[in-house]
Amino acid sequence: MEYWGYHLLLDCSAASKELIKNRDHICDFAKQLVQDIDMKAYGEPIIEYFAADSPDKAGYTLVQLIETSNITAHFIDSNGNIYMDVFSCKPFDIEVAIKTVQQYFEPKKIKKHFITRDAD
């Protein structure tokens, strides 16, 4: 069955703190992920530092628009956790997406949730 959208949610624990605090590394990751899951980037990745006043939440946030929707992530400095969403109306290989995350950030554990989206 074909759906309108495909949504991968990743909760990653204890990734490399050095890697998640590196803005250039996050940018390279976004570009590689787009390529690996066969999407087309719409513009450059947007990467900003948020929650500087909340040590338990502070870290970089990534937004990468893709022609079929978006990729978003927040990287938590204090514990190395990553919360990521890949949403697209074009199907993609979730295992490839997970492998790219593992290669770039080395999380100790990844919990995945995958849902299909269809308003009808």
Protein backbone atom coordinates (compact mmCIF):
# COMPACT_ATOMS: atom_id res chain seq x y z
CA MET A 1 0.00 0.00 0.00
CA GLU A 2 1.23 3.47 -0.79
CA TYR A 3 0.86 6.25 1.78
CA TRP A 4 1.05 10.00 1.56
CA GLY A 5 3.99 10.27 3.92
CA TYR A 6 6.67 8.31 5.74
CA HIS A 7 7.91 9.51 9.12
CA LEU A 8 10.96 8.12 10.92
CA LEU A 9 11.55 9.23 14.51
CA LEU A 10 14.86 8.39 16.15
CA ASP A 11 15.70 8.74 19.83
CA CYS A 12 19.45 8.23 20.13
CA SER A 13 21.21 7.99 23.47
CA ALA A 14 24.77 8.75 24.49
CA ALA A 15 26.19 9.80 21.13
CA SER A 16 29.70 11.23 20.93
CA LYS A 17 29.57 14.60 22.69
CA GLU A 18 32.50 15.80 20.63
CA LEU A 19 30.67 15.04 17.37
CA ILE A 20 27.27 16.46 18.34
CA LYS A 21 28.88 19.75 19.41
CA ASN A 22 30.59 20.21 16.05
CA ARG A 23 28.46 22.41 13.79
CA ASP A 24 30.44 21.55 10.65
CA HIS A 25 30.09 17.83 11.38
CA ILE A 26 26.31 18.22 11.76
CA CYS A 27 26.21 20.08 8.44
CA ASP A 28 28.20 17.32 6.72
CA PHE A 29 25.85 14.74 8.24
CA ALA A 30 22.76 16.49 6.91
CA LYS A 31 24.17 16.61 3.40
CA GLN A 32 25.24 12.96 3.54
CA LEU A 33 21.88 11.79 4.91
CA VAL A 34 20.02 13.57 2.11
CA GLN A 35 22.24 11.78 -0.40
CA ASP A 36 22.06 8.39 1.34
CA ILE A 37 18.25 8.29 1.43
CA ASP A 38 17.98 9.58 -2.14
CA MET A 39 16.35 12.93 -1.41
CA LYS A 40 16.91 16.36 -2.89
CA ALA A 41 17.94 19.15 -0.51
CA TYR A 42 16.12 22.44 -0.77
CA GLY A 43 18.78 24.92 0.29
CA GLU A 44 21.54 24.49 2.83
CA PRO A 45 21.08 22.94 6.27
CA ILE A 46 19.99 25.40 8.96
CA ILE A 47 21.90 24.76 12.18
CA GLU A 48 21.45 26.99 15.22
CA TYR A 49 22.37 26.70 18.88
CA PHE A 50 19.36 26.73 21.23
CA ALA A 51 18.50 26.58 24.93
CA ALA A 52 21.84 28.00 26.06
CA ASP A 53 20.22 28.96 29.40
CA SER A 54 19.04 25.36 30.03
CA PRO A 55 22.05 23.07 30.41
CA ASP A 56 19.91 19.92 30.21
CA LYS A 57 18.42 21.02 26.86
CA ALA A 58 21.19 23.10 25.24
CA GLY A 59 22.58 22.07 21.89
CA TYR A 60 22.39 22.44 18.15
CA THR A 61 19.15 22.11 16.23
CA LEU A 62 19.22 21.05 12.59
CA VAL A 63 16.60 21.74 9.94
CA GLN A 64 17.16 20.50 6.41
CA LEU A 65 14.35 21.13 4.00
CA ILE A 66 14.00 18.50 1.31
CA GLU A 67 11.78 18.75 -1.74
CA THR A 68 9.52 16.09 -0.27
CA SER A 69 9.39 17.57 3.27
CA ASN A 70 12.09 17.88 5.99
CA ILE A 71 14.72 16.45 8.29
CA THR A 72 15.00 17.88 11.81
CA ALA A 73 17.14 17.05 14.82
CA HIS A 74 18.13 18.38 18.21
CA PHE A 75 21.47 17.41 19.76
CA ILE A 76 21.73 17.59 23.57
CA ASP A 77 25.18 18.71 24.76
CA SER A 78 24.90 17.44 28.33
CA ASN A 79 24.16 13.77 27.64
CA GLY A 80 24.80 13.23 23.94
CA ASN A 81 21.18 12.41 23.15
CA ILE A 82 19.77 13.12 19.70
CA TYR A 83 16.11 13.48 18.75
CA MET A 84 15.63 13.26 15.00
CA ASP A 85 12.74 13.19 12.52
CA VAL A 86 12.86 12.34 8.83
CA PHE A 87 9.54 13.06 7.13
CA SER A 88 8.97 12.62 3.42
CA CYS A 89 6.14 11.95 0.99
CA LYS A 90 8.72 9.94 -0.98
CA PRO A 91 9.53 6.51 0.49
CA PHE A 92 13.06 6.03 1.84
CA ASP A 93 15.12 3.25 3.39
CA ILE A 94 14.94 3.69 7.16
CA GLU A 95 17.83 1.30 7.78
CA VAL A 96 20.08 3.44 5.57
CA ALA A 97 19.05 6.52 7.56
CA ILE A 98 19.85 4.75 10.84
CA LYS A 99 23.21 3.56 9.52
CA THR A 100 24.15 7.13 8.56
CA VAL A 101 23.26 8.37 12.06
CA GLN A 102 25.36 5.57 13.59
CA GLN A 103 28.34 6.36 11.38
CA TYR A 104 28.27 10.09 12.07
CA PHE A 105 27.41 10.24 15.78
CA GLU A 106 28.15 6.81 17.33
CA PRO A 107 25.13 6.63 19.67
CA LYS A 108 25.12 3.80 22.20
CA LYS A 109 21.44 3.05 21.49
CA ILE A 110 18.86 4.06 18.89
CA LYS A 111 15.13 3.70 19.44
CA LYS A 112 13.21 3.95 16.18
CA HIS A 113 9.59 4.66 15.51
CA PHE A 114 8.23 4.59 11.99
CA ILE A 115 4.77 5.72 11.03
CA THR A 116 2.98 6.16 7.77
CA ARG A 117 0.94 9.29 7.18
CA ASP A 118 -2.32 9.44 5.27
CA ALA A 119 -5.21 11.79 5.95
CA ASP A 120 -7.77 9.66 4.10
